[in-house]
Protein backbone atom coordinates (compact mmCIF):
# COMPACT_ATOMS: atom_id res chain seq x y z
CA UNK A 1 0.00 0.00 0.00
CA UNK A 2 1.43 3.32 -1.05
CA UNK A 3 1.13 6.40 1.14
CA UNK A 4 -0.47 9.49 -0.33
CA UNK A 5 1.98 12.35 -0.57
CA UNK A 6 0.72 15.91 -0.38
CA UNK A 7 2.75 18.85 -1.55
CA UNK A 8 3.01 22.10 0.41
CA UNK A 9 0.41 23.90 -1.72
CA UNK A 10 -2.27 21.27 -1.05
CA UNK A 11 -1.57 21.26 2.69
CA UNK A 12 -1.57 25.05 2.74
CA UNK A 13 -4.94 25.16 0.96
CA UNK A 14 -6.35 22.62 3.40
CA UNK A 15 -5.25 24.62 6.43
CA UNK A 16 -6.55 27.84 4.89
CA UNK A 17 -9.96 26.23 4.33
CA UNK A 18 -10.10 25.00 7.92
CA UNK A 19 -8.94 28.25 9.46
CA UNK A 20 -11.28 30.47 7.47
CA UNK A 21 -14.33 28.96 9.03
CA UNK A 22 -15.12 25.66 7.40
CA UNK A 23 -17.70 24.14 9.75
CA UNK A 24 -16.11 21.25 11.60
CA UNK A 25 -19.28 19.82 13.11
CA UNK A 26 -22.94 19.45 12.43
CA UNK A 27 -23.84 22.97 13.59
CA UNK A 28 -22.61 26.43 12.68
CA UNK A 29 -21.74 26.97 16.36
CA UNK A 30 -18.48 25.07 15.77
CA UNK A 31 -17.08 27.79 13.48
CA UNK A 32 -14.22 29.86 14.84
CA UNK A 33 -14.30 33.51 13.80
CA UNK A 34 -10.96 35.27 13.35
CA UNK A 35 -10.21 38.07 15.78
CA UNK A 36 -10.62 40.48 12.88
CA UNK A 37 -14.19 39.26 12.36
CA UNK A 38 -14.87 39.38 16.10
CA UNK A 39 -13.64 42.96 16.30
CA UNK A 40 -15.80 43.98 13.33
CA UNK A 41 -18.88 42.34 14.82
CA UNK A 42 -18.42 43.60 18.39
CA UNK A 43 -16.73 46.95 17.87
CA UNK A 44 -13.82 46.01 20.12
CA UNK A 45 -10.34 46.92 18.92
CA UNK A 46 -8.60 43.98 17.29
CA UNK A 47 -5.31 44.85 18.99
CA UNK A 48 -7.01 44.69 22.40
CA UNK A 49 -8.52 41.31 21.59
CA UNK A 50 -5.11 39.99 20.49
CA UNK A 51 -3.44 41.29 23.67
CA UNK A 52 -6.15 39.83 25.92
CA UNK A 53 -6.00 36.46 24.13
CA UNK A 54 -2.20 36.31 24.35
CA UNK A 55 -2.34 37.20 28.06
CA UNK A 56 -4.90 34.46 28.70
CA UNK A 57 -7.67 36.86 29.78
CA UNK A 58 -10.06 35.67 27.06
CA UNK A 59 -11.05 32.16 26.08
CA UNK A 60 -10.18 31.64 22.43
CA UNK A 61 -9.09 29.16 19.76
CA UNK A 62 -5.36 29.13 19.08
CA UNK A 63 -3.93 26.94 16.37
CA UNK A 64 -0.59 27.86 14.83
CA UNK A 65 -0.72 31.54 13.90
CA UNK A 66 -4.52 31.59 13.98
CA UNK A 67 -6.38 33.10 16.90
CA UNK A 68 -10.14 33.16 16.83
CA UNK A 69 -13.26 32.73 18.89
CA UNK A 70 -16.28 30.49 18.64
CA UNK A 71 -19.73 32.06 18.94
CA UNK A 72 -19.99 30.75 22.51
CA UNK A 73 -16.65 32.35 23.42
CA UNK A 74 -17.76 35.65 21.87
CA UNK A 75 -21.00 35.52 23.88
CA UNK A 76 -19.05 34.80 27.08
CA UNK A 77 -16.71 37.72 26.36
CA UNK A 78 -19.62 40.09 25.76
CA UNK A 79 -21.31 38.88 28.95
CA UNK A 80 -18.09 39.42 30.89
CA UNK A 81 -17.60 42.97 29.64
CA UNK A 82 -21.26 44.00 29.78
CA UNK A 83 -21.90 43.31 33.42
CA UNK A 84 -22.00 46.45 35.50
CA UNK A 85 -20.89 46.74 39.08
CA UNK A 86 -23.78 47.03 41.53
CA UNK A 87 -24.54 50.60 42.52
CA UNK A 88 -24.13 51.09 46.27
CA UNK A 89 -27.22 52.33 48.05
CA UNK A 90 -27.22 55.92 49.16
CA UNK A 91 -24.90 57.16 46.43
CA UNK A 92 -25.82 60.65 45.28
CA UNK A 93 -27.95 61.35 48.31
CA UNK A 94 -26.59 64.34 50.25
CA UNK A 95 -28.07 65.62 53.48
CA UNK A 96 -28.92 69.30 53.76
CA UNK A 97 -26.49 69.54 56.69
CA UNK A 98 -23.63 68.31 54.52
CA UNK A 99 -24.53 70.81 51.82
CA UNK A 100 -24.61 73.73 54.28
CA UNK A 101 -21.21 72.71 55.68
CA UNK A 102 -19.76 72.51 52.16
CA UNK A 103 -21.20 75.93 51.26
CA UNK A 104 -19.75 77.50 54.39
CA UNK A 105 -16.31 76.02 53.66
CA UNK A 106 -16.50 77.25 50.09
CA UNK A 107 -17.38 80.79 51.21
CA UNK A 108 -14.52 80.81 53.71
CA UNK A 109 -12.09 79.69 51.02
CA UNK A 110 -13.36 82.37 48.64
CA UNK A 111 -13.00 85.07 51.30
CA UNK A 112 -9.39 84.00 51.98
CA UNK A 113 -8.55 84.28 48.31
CA UNK A 114 -9.99 87.79 47.99
CA UNK A 115 -8.17 89.04 51.10
CA UNK A 116 -4.79 87.84 49.78
CA UNK A 117 -5.16 89.54 46.43
CA UNK A 118 -6.17 92.91 47.98
C-alpha atoms as a PDB file:
ATOM      1  CA  UNK A   1       0.000   0.000   0.000  1.00  0.00           C
ATOM      2  CA  UNK A   2       1.432   3.323  -1.050  1.00  0.00           C
ATOM      3  CA  UNK A   3       1.129   6.405   1.143  1.00  0.00           C
ATOM      4  CA  UNK A   4      -0.466   9.487  -0.325  1.00  0.00           C
ATOM      5  CA  UNK A   5       1.981  12.355  -0.567  1.00  0.00           C
ATOM      6  CA  UNK A   6       0.725  15.914  -0.385  1.00  0.00           C
ATOM      7  CA  UNK A   7       2.745  18.855  -1.548  1.00  0.00           C
ATOM      8  CA  UNK A   8       3.010  22.100   0.412  1.00  0.00           C
ATOM      9  CA  UNK A   9       0.411  23.899  -1.723  1.00  0.00           C
ATOM     10  CA  UNK A  10      -2.275  21.272  -1.054  1.00  0.00           C
ATOM     11  CA  UNK A  11      -1.574  21.264   2.687  1.00  0.00           C
ATOM     12  CA  UNK A  12      -1.570  25.050   2.742  1.00  0.00           C
ATOM     13  CA  UNK A  13      -4.937  25.159   0.956  1.00  0.00           C
ATOM     14  CA  UNK A  14      -6.346  22.621   3.398  1.00  0.00           C
ATOM     15  CA  UNK A  15      -5.247  24.623   6.426  1.00  0.00           C
ATOM     16  CA  UNK A  16      -6.545  27.838   4.888  1.00  0.00           C
ATOM     17  CA  UNK A  17      -9.955  26.228   4.330  1.00  0.00           C
ATOM     18  CA  UNK A  18     -10.101  24.998   7.916  1.00  0.00           C
ATOM     19  CA  UNK A  19      -8.937  28.250   9.464  1.00  0.00           C
ATOM     20  CA  UNK A  20     -11.276  30.469   7.472  1.00  0.00           C
ATOM     21  CA  UNK A  21     -14.333  28.960   9.028  1.00  0.00           C
ATOM     22  CA  UNK A  22     -15.118  25.657   7.402  1.00  0.00           C
ATOM     23  CA  UNK A  23     -17.695  24.144   9.751  1.00  0.00           C
ATOM     24  CA  UNK A  24     -16.114  21.248  11.604  1.00  0.00           C
ATOM     25  CA  UNK A  25     -19.279  19.821  13.113  1.00  0.00           C
ATOM     26  CA  UNK A  26     -22.942  19.446  12.427  1.00  0.00           C
ATOM     27  CA  UNK A  27     -23.835  22.970  13.590  1.00  0.00           C
ATOM     28  CA  UNK A  28     -22.612  26.429  12.678  1.00  0.00           C
ATOM     29  CA  UNK A  29     -21.737  26.973  16.363  1.00  0.00           C
ATOM     30  CA  UNK A  30     -18.485  25.068  15.765  1.00  0.00           C
ATOM     31  CA  UNK A  31     -17.084  27.786  13.480  1.00  0.00           C
ATOM     32  CA  UNK A  32     -14.224  29.860  14.840  1.00  0.00           C
ATOM     33  CA  UNK A  33     -14.297  33.515  13.797  1.00  0.00           C
ATOM     34  CA  UNK A  34     -10.963  35.267  13.354  1.00  0.00           C
ATOM     35  CA  UNK A  35     -10.213  38.072  15.783  1.00  0.00           C
ATOM     36  CA  UNK A  36     -10.618  40.483  12.876  1.00  0.00           C
ATOM     37  CA  UNK A  37     -14.186  39.257  12.356  1.00  0.00           C
ATOM     38  CA  UNK A  38     -14.870  39.375  16.099  1.00  0.00           C
ATOM     39  CA  UNK A  39     -13.639  42.960  16.300  1.00  0.00           C
ATOM     40  CA  UNK A  40     -15.800  43.976  13.328  1.00  0.00           C
ATOM     41  CA  UNK A  41     -18.882  42.340  14.821  1.00  0.00           C
ATOM     42  CA  UNK A  42     -18.421  43.596  18.389  1.00  0.00           C
ATOM     43  CA  UNK A  43     -16.732  46.954  17.867  1.00  0.00           C
ATOM     44  CA  UNK A  44     -13.819  46.011  20.120  1.00  0.00           C
ATOM     45  CA  UNK A  45     -10.337  46.918  18.924  1.00  0.00           C
ATOM     46  CA  UNK A  46      -8.604  43.976  17.286  1.00  0.00           C
ATOM     47  CA  UNK A  47      -5.314  44.848  18.991  1.00  0.00           C
ATOM     48  CA  UNK A  48      -7.008  44.691  22.404  1.00  0.00           C
ATOM     49  CA  UNK A  49      -8.515  41.312  21.588  1.00  0.00           C
ATOM     50  CA  UNK A  50      -5.112  39.991  20.491  1.00  0.00           C
ATOM     51  CA  UNK A  51      -3.439  41.287  23.673  1.00  0.00           C
ATOM     52  CA  UNK A  52      -6.147  39.826  25.917  1.00  0.00           C
ATOM     53  CA  UNK A  53      -5.997  36.464  24.131  1.00  0.00           C
ATOM     54  CA  UNK A  54      -2.201  36.306  24.352  1.00  0.00           C
ATOM     55  CA  UNK A  55      -2.342  37.201  28.059  1.00  0.00           C
ATOM     56  CA  UNK A  56      -4.903  34.461  28.701  1.00  0.00           C
ATOM     57  CA  UNK A  57      -7.667  36.858  29.783  1.00  0.00           C
ATOM     58  CA  UNK A  58     -10.056  35.674  27.061  1.00  0.00           C
ATOM     59  CA  UNK A  59     -11.045  32.157  26.081  1.00  0.00           C
ATOM     60  CA  UNK A  60     -10.184  31.636  22.430  1.00  0.00           C
ATOM     61  CA  UNK A  61      -9.095  29.164  19.763  1.00  0.00           C
ATOM     62  CA  UNK A  62      -5.361  29.128  19.081  1.00  0.00           C
ATOM     63  CA  UNK A  63      -3.925  26.940  16.373  1.00  0.00           C
ATOM     64  CA  UNK A  64      -0.585  27.859  14.831  1.00  0.00           C
ATOM     65  CA  UNK A  65      -0.717  31.538  13.905  1.00  0.00           C
ATOM     66  CA  UNK A  66      -4.516  31.588  13.983  1.00  0.00           C
ATOM     67  CA  UNK A  67      -6.384  33.095  16.902  1.00  0.00           C
ATOM     68  CA  UNK A  68     -10.135  33.163  16.833  1.00  0.00           C
ATOM     69  CA  UNK A  69     -13.262  32.731  18.893  1.00  0.00           C
ATOM     70  CA  UNK A  70     -16.281  30.494  18.645  1.00  0.00           C
ATOM     71  CA  UNK A  71     -19.734  32.056  18.940  1.00  0.00           C
ATOM     72  CA  UNK A  72     -19.988  30.753  22.510  1.00  0.00           C
ATOM     73  CA  UNK A  73     -16.647  32.355  23.425  1.00  0.00           C
ATOM     74  CA  UNK A  74     -17.761  35.654  21.866  1.00  0.00           C
ATOM     75  CA  UNK A  75     -20.998  35.518  23.878  1.00  0.00           C
ATOM     76  CA  UNK A  76     -19.051  34.801  27.084  1.00  0.00           C
ATOM     77  CA  UNK A  77     -16.711  37.722  26.363  1.00  0.00           C
ATOM     78  CA  UNK A  78     -19.621  40.088  25.756  1.00  0.00           C
ATOM     79  CA  UNK A  79     -21.313  38.884  28.947  1.00  0.00           C
ATOM     80  CA  UNK A  80     -18.092  39.425  30.894  1.00  0.00           C
ATOM     81  CA  UNK A  81     -17.596  42.975  29.642  1.00  0.00           C
ATOM     82  CA  UNK A  82     -21.261  43.995  29.779  1.00  0.00           C
ATOM     83  CA  UNK A  83     -21.903  43.308  33.423  1.00  0.00           C
ATOM     84  CA  UNK A  84     -22.000  46.448  35.500  1.00  0.00           C
ATOM     85  CA  UNK A  85     -20.893  46.742  39.080  1.00  0.00           C
ATOM     86  CA  UNK A  86     -23.782  47.027  41.530  1.00  0.00           C
ATOM     87  CA  UNK A  87     -24.544  50.600  42.515  1.00  0.00           C
ATOM     88  CA  UNK A  88     -24.133  51.089  46.270  1.00  0.00           C
ATOM     89  CA  UNK A  89     -27.221  52.326  48.047  1.00  0.00           C
ATOM     90  CA  UNK A  90     -27.224  55.924  49.164  1.00  0.00           C
ATOM     91  CA  UNK A  91     -24.902  57.164  46.429  1.00  0.00           C
ATOM     92  CA  UNK A  92     -25.823  60.646  45.281  1.00  0.00           C
ATOM     93  CA  UNK A  93     -27.955  61.350  48.314  1.00  0.00           C
ATOM     94  CA  UNK A  94     -26.590  64.336  50.247  1.00  0.00           C
ATOM     95  CA  UNK A  95     -28.067  65.623  53.480  1.00  0.00           C
ATOM     96  CA  UNK A  96     -28.922  69.303  53.764  1.00  0.00           C
ATOM     97  CA  UNK A  97     -26.487  69.536  56.693  1.00  0.00           C
ATOM     98  CA  UNK A  98     -23.628  68.310  54.520  1.00  0.00           C
ATOM     99  CA  UNK A  99     -24.526  70.812  51.823  1.00  0.00           C
ATOM    100  CA  UNK A 100     -24.611  73.728  54.275  1.00  0.00           C
ATOM    101  CA  UNK A 101     -21.207  72.713  55.683  1.00  0.00           C
ATOM    102  CA  UNK A 102     -19.764  72.514  52.163  1.00  0.00           C
ATOM    103  CA  UNK A 103     -21.205  75.926  51.257  1.00  0.00           C
ATOM    104  CA  UNK A 104     -19.754  77.501  54.386  1.00  0.00           C
ATOM    105  CA  UNK A 105     -16.307  76.024  53.663  1.00  0.00           C
ATOM    106  CA  UNK A 106     -16.500  77.253  50.086  1.00  0.00           C
ATOM    107  CA  UNK A 107     -17.377  80.785  51.207  1.00  0.00           C
ATOM    108  CA  UNK A 108     -14.519  80.814  53.713  1.00  0.00           C
ATOM    109  CA  UNK A 109     -12.090  79.687  51.021  1.00  0.00           C
ATOM    110  CA  UNK A 110     -13.362  82.371  48.636  1.00  0.00           C
ATOM    111  CA  UNK A 111     -13.002  85.067  51.303  1.00  0.00           C
ATOM    112  CA  UNK A 112      -9.393  83.999  51.978  1.00  0.00           C
ATOM    113  CA  UNK A 113      -8.550  84.281  48.307  1.00  0.00           C
ATOM    114  CA  UNK A 114      -9.987  87.792  47.986  1.00  0.00           C
ATOM    115  CA  UNK A 115      -8.170  89.043  51.100  1.00  0.00           C
ATOM    116  CA  UNK A 116      -4.787  87.841  49.784  1.00  0.00           C
ATOM    117  CA  UNK A 117      -5.164  89.543  46.434  1.00  0.00           C
ATOM    118  CA  UNK A 118      -6.169  92.907  47.982  1.00  0.00           C
END
